[in-house]
């Protein structure tokens, strides 16, 4: 619906804006790893709920981090489509 005129696109500002979706994606990876190491692993070891398999805590850790990664990916492509320089 809205098309940004090429005269209004600033490459430096665009590059700065595109850092945030990448940072959000990276935060999802770090969050997932952190939750697995410091939450799901110790909980499973202490509870002995599923010693040989995956339990809800691992699924929670993966899903929580995946939300960040999906949000970052959607933001990246949305910003690139709406405000990026024309191909």
N, C-alpha and C. Protein backbone atom coordinates (compact mmCIF):
# COMPACT_ATOMS: atom_id res chain seq x y z
N UNK A 1 0.81 -1.17 0.00
CA UNK A 1 0.00 0.00 0.00
C UNK A 1 0.87 1.26 0.00
N UNK A 2 1.81 1.32 0.92
CA UNK A 2 2.70 2.47 0.99
C UNK A 2 4.04 2.12 0.37
N UNK A 3 4.50 2.95 -0.52
CA UNK A 3 5.80 2.76 -1.15
C UNK A 3 6.66 3.96 -0.79
N UNK A 4 7.78 3.68 -0.13
CA UNK A 4 8.68 4.76 0.25
C UNK A 4 9.41 5.27 -0.98
N UNK A 5 9.37 6.58 -1.23
CA UNK A 5 10.10 7.12 -2.39
C UNK A 5 11.60 6.90 -2.22
N UNK A 6 12.27 6.63 -3.31
CA UNK A 6 13.71 6.37 -3.28
C UNK A 6 14.48 7.56 -2.71
N UNK A 7 13.97 8.77 -2.89
CA UNK A 7 14.66 9.95 -2.38
C UNK A 7 14.68 9.97 -0.85
N UNK A 8 13.76 9.28 -0.20
CA UNK A 8 13.68 9.28 1.26
C UNK A 8 14.46 8.13 1.89
N UNK A 9 15.00 7.24 1.10
CA UNK A 9 15.74 6.09 1.65
C UNK A 9 17.19 6.50 1.88
N UNK A 10 17.61 6.37 3.12
CA UNK A 10 18.98 6.69 3.51
C UNK A 10 19.69 5.38 3.83
N UNK A 11 20.73 5.07 3.08
CA UNK A 11 21.42 3.78 3.24
C UNK A 11 22.02 3.62 4.64
N UNK A 12 22.54 4.70 5.21
CA UNK A 12 23.15 4.63 6.53
C UNK A 12 22.09 4.35 7.60
N UNK A 13 20.97 5.03 7.53
CA UNK A 13 19.88 4.80 8.47
C UNK A 13 19.29 3.40 8.30
N UNK A 14 19.18 2.96 7.06
CA UNK A 14 18.65 1.63 6.79
C UNK A 14 19.55 0.56 7.39
N UNK A 15 20.86 0.71 7.24
CA UNK A 15 21.81 -0.26 7.80
C UNK A 15 21.72 -0.27 9.33
N UNK A 16 21.54 0.90 9.94
CA UNK A 16 21.41 0.97 11.39
C UNK A 16 20.11 0.29 11.85
N UNK A 17 19.05 0.49 11.11
CA UNK A 17 17.77 -0.12 11.46
C UNK A 17 17.83 -1.64 11.31
N UNK A 18 18.56 -2.13 10.34
CA UNK A 18 18.62 -3.56 10.09
C UNK A 18 19.45 -4.31 11.13
N UNK A 19 20.16 -3.59 11.99
CA UNK A 19 20.91 -4.26 13.06
C UNK A 19 19.97 -4.88 14.09
N UNK A 20 18.84 -4.23 14.36
CA UNK A 20 17.96 -4.67 15.44
C UNK A 20 17.30 -6.02 15.18
N UNK A 21 16.82 -6.31 13.99
CA UNK A 21 16.29 -7.66 13.77
C UNK A 21 17.36 -8.74 13.91
N UNK A 22 18.57 -8.43 13.49
CA UNK A 22 19.67 -9.39 13.64
C UNK A 22 20.00 -9.60 15.11
N UNK A 23 19.97 -8.52 15.88
CA UNK A 23 20.21 -8.63 17.31
C UNK A 23 19.11 -9.43 18.00
N UNK A 24 17.88 -9.24 17.57
CA UNK A 24 16.75 -10.00 18.12
C UNK A 24 16.91 -11.49 17.83
N UNK A 25 17.34 -11.82 16.62
CA UNK A 25 17.57 -13.23 16.26
C UNK A 25 18.68 -13.81 17.13
N UNK A 26 19.77 -13.07 17.28
CA UNK A 26 20.88 -13.54 18.12
C UNK A 26 20.45 -13.70 19.57
N UNK A 27 19.62 -12.79 20.05
CA UNK A 27 19.11 -12.90 21.42
C UNK A 27 18.29 -14.17 21.60
N UNK A 28 17.57 -14.57 20.57
CA UNK A 28 16.81 -15.82 20.63
C UNK A 28 17.71 -17.03 20.77
N UNK A 29 18.82 -17.02 20.06
CA UNK A 29 19.78 -18.13 20.16
C UNK A 29 20.40 -18.17 21.55
N UNK A 30 20.84 -17.01 22.03
CA UNK A 30 21.46 -16.94 23.35
C UNK A 30 20.47 -17.32 24.44
N UNK A 31 19.23 -16.86 24.32
CA UNK A 31 18.20 -17.18 25.30
C UNK A 31 17.92 -18.69 25.33
N UNK A 32 17.81 -19.29 24.17
CA UNK A 32 17.57 -20.73 24.10
C UNK A 32 18.70 -21.51 24.76
N UNK A 33 19.92 -21.18 24.42
CA UNK A 33 21.07 -21.88 25.00
C UNK A 33 21.12 -21.65 26.51
N UNK A 34 20.90 -20.40 26.93
CA UNK A 34 20.91 -20.10 28.36
C UNK A 34 19.84 -20.85 29.13
N UNK A 35 18.64 -20.90 28.59
CA UNK A 35 17.56 -21.61 29.27
C UNK A 35 17.82 -23.11 29.34
N UNK A 36 18.41 -23.66 28.30
CA UNK A 36 18.72 -25.09 28.32
C UNK A 36 19.80 -25.39 29.36
N UNK A 37 20.84 -24.56 29.40
CA UNK A 37 21.95 -24.81 30.33
C UNK A 37 21.56 -24.52 31.78
N UNK A 38 20.89 -23.38 32.00
CA UNK A 38 20.66 -22.94 33.39
C UNK A 38 19.26 -23.21 33.92
N UNK A 39 18.36 -23.67 33.09
CA UNK A 39 17.01 -23.96 33.59
C UNK A 39 16.60 -25.41 33.32
N UNK A 40 16.52 -25.78 32.07
CA UNK A 40 16.00 -27.11 31.72
C UNK A 40 16.92 -28.23 32.19
N UNK A 41 18.22 -28.08 31.99
CA UNK A 41 19.16 -29.11 32.41
C UNK A 41 19.15 -29.36 33.90
N UNK A 42 19.35 -28.30 34.71
CA UNK A 42 19.30 -28.52 36.16
C UNK A 42 17.94 -29.00 36.67
N UNK A 43 16.87 -28.53 36.08
CA UNK A 43 15.54 -28.97 36.51
C UNK A 43 15.36 -30.46 36.25
N UNK A 44 15.76 -30.89 35.08
CA UNK A 44 15.64 -32.31 34.73
C UNK A 44 16.53 -33.17 35.63
N UNK A 45 17.74 -32.69 35.89
CA UNK A 45 18.65 -33.45 36.75
C UNK A 45 18.12 -33.55 38.18
N UNK A 46 17.54 -32.47 38.68
CA UNK A 46 17.03 -32.47 40.05
C UNK A 46 15.72 -33.25 40.18
N UNK A 47 14.90 -33.18 39.15
CA UNK A 47 13.57 -33.79 39.20
C UNK A 47 13.58 -35.23 38.70
N UNK A 48 14.53 -35.59 37.88
CA UNK A 48 14.59 -36.92 37.26
C UNK A 48 13.29 -37.26 36.55
N UNK A 49 12.68 -36.23 35.94
CA UNK A 49 11.38 -36.45 35.29
C UNK A 49 11.51 -37.17 33.95
N UNK A 50 12.52 -36.88 33.19
CA UNK A 50 12.70 -37.54 31.89
C UNK A 50 14.20 -37.66 31.62
N UNK A 51 14.87 -38.55 32.31
CA UNK A 51 16.33 -38.62 32.17
C UNK A 51 16.81 -39.04 30.78
N UNK A 52 16.02 -39.82 30.07
CA UNK A 52 16.47 -40.31 28.77
C UNK A 52 15.86 -39.55 27.59
N UNK A 53 14.97 -38.63 27.86
CA UNK A 53 14.30 -37.95 26.76
C UNK A 53 14.15 -36.47 27.01
N UNK A 54 13.35 -35.87 26.18
CA UNK A 54 13.10 -34.44 26.27
C UNK A 54 11.82 -34.23 27.07
N UNK A 55 11.83 -33.20 27.90
CA UNK A 55 10.63 -32.91 28.68
C UNK A 55 10.12 -31.51 28.37
N UNK A 56 9.12 -31.09 29.09
CA UNK A 56 8.49 -29.80 28.83
C UNK A 56 9.40 -28.61 29.02
N UNK A 57 10.36 -28.72 29.92
CA UNK A 57 11.27 -27.60 30.15
C UNK A 57 12.15 -27.36 28.93
N UNK A 58 12.61 -28.42 28.30
CA UNK A 58 13.40 -28.25 27.08
C UNK A 58 12.54 -27.67 25.95
N UNK A 59 11.32 -28.14 25.85
CA UNK A 59 10.42 -27.60 24.83
C UNK A 59 10.13 -26.13 25.09
N UNK A 60 9.94 -25.76 26.35
CA UNK A 60 9.74 -24.36 26.71
C UNK A 60 10.93 -23.52 26.30
N UNK A 61 12.14 -23.98 26.60
CA UNK A 61 13.35 -23.23 26.28
C UNK A 61 13.48 -23.02 24.77
N UNK A 62 13.22 -24.05 24.02
CA UNK A 62 13.32 -23.96 22.55
C UNK A 62 12.23 -23.05 21.99
N UNK A 63 11.02 -23.20 22.48
CA UNK A 63 9.91 -22.38 21.98
C UNK A 63 10.09 -20.91 22.33
N UNK A 64 10.57 -20.64 23.55
CA UNK A 64 10.75 -19.25 23.98
C UNK A 64 11.82 -18.56 23.12
N UNK A 65 12.92 -19.23 22.86
CA UNK A 65 13.95 -18.67 22.00
C UNK A 65 13.50 -18.56 20.56
N UNK A 66 12.69 -19.53 20.12
CA UNK A 66 12.19 -19.51 18.74
C UNK A 66 11.29 -18.31 18.50
N UNK A 67 10.57 -17.86 19.53
CA UNK A 67 9.73 -16.66 19.37
C UNK A 67 10.59 -15.46 19.00
N UNK A 68 11.73 -15.31 19.66
CA UNK A 68 12.63 -14.20 19.34
C UNK A 68 13.18 -14.34 17.91
N UNK A 69 13.58 -15.56 17.57
CA UNK A 69 14.16 -15.77 16.24
C UNK A 69 13.14 -15.53 15.13
N UNK A 70 11.92 -15.99 15.33
CA UNK A 70 10.88 -15.77 14.33
C UNK A 70 10.54 -14.29 14.23
N UNK A 71 10.44 -13.61 15.37
CA UNK A 71 10.15 -12.18 15.36
C UNK A 71 11.26 -11.41 14.64
N UNK A 72 12.50 -11.76 14.91
CA UNK A 72 13.62 -11.10 14.24
C UNK A 72 13.61 -11.33 12.74
N UNK A 73 13.28 -12.54 12.33
CA UNK A 73 13.22 -12.86 10.90
C UNK A 73 12.10 -12.09 10.22
N UNK A 74 10.92 -12.06 10.84
CA UNK A 74 9.80 -11.32 10.25
C UNK A 74 10.10 -9.83 10.19
N UNK A 75 10.71 -9.29 11.23
CA UNK A 75 11.06 -7.87 11.23
C UNK A 75 12.09 -7.57 10.15
N UNK A 76 13.07 -8.44 10.00
CA UNK A 76 14.11 -8.23 8.99
C UNK A 76 13.51 -8.13 7.58
N UNK A 77 12.70 -9.13 7.23
CA UNK A 77 12.14 -9.12 5.88
C UNK A 77 11.08 -8.05 5.70
N UNK A 78 10.34 -7.72 6.76
CA UNK A 78 9.36 -6.65 6.68
C UNK A 78 10.00 -5.29 6.47
N UNK A 79 11.06 -5.02 7.22
CA UNK A 79 11.77 -3.75 7.07
C UNK A 79 12.44 -3.68 5.71
N UNK A 80 13.06 -4.78 5.31
CA UNK A 80 13.75 -4.80 4.02
C UNK A 80 12.78 -4.57 2.87
N UNK A 81 11.59 -5.16 2.97
CA UNK A 81 10.59 -5.00 1.90
C UNK A 81 10.03 -3.58 1.88
N UNK A 82 9.74 -3.03 3.05
CA UNK A 82 9.06 -1.74 3.11
C UNK A 82 10.01 -0.55 2.95
N UNK A 83 11.20 -0.66 3.51
CA UNK A 83 12.09 0.51 3.55
C UNK A 83 13.42 0.31 2.87
N UNK A 84 13.66 -0.86 2.32
CA UNK A 84 14.93 -1.13 1.68
C UNK A 84 15.07 -0.48 0.33
N UNK A 85 16.30 -0.33 -0.13
CA UNK A 85 16.51 0.23 -1.47
C UNK A 85 15.93 -0.70 -2.54
N UNK A 86 15.49 -0.11 -3.60
CA UNK A 86 14.90 -0.89 -4.68
C UNK A 86 15.96 -1.78 -5.32
N UNK A 87 15.58 -2.99 -5.71
CA UNK A 87 16.57 -3.89 -6.32
C UNK A 87 16.99 -3.43 -7.69
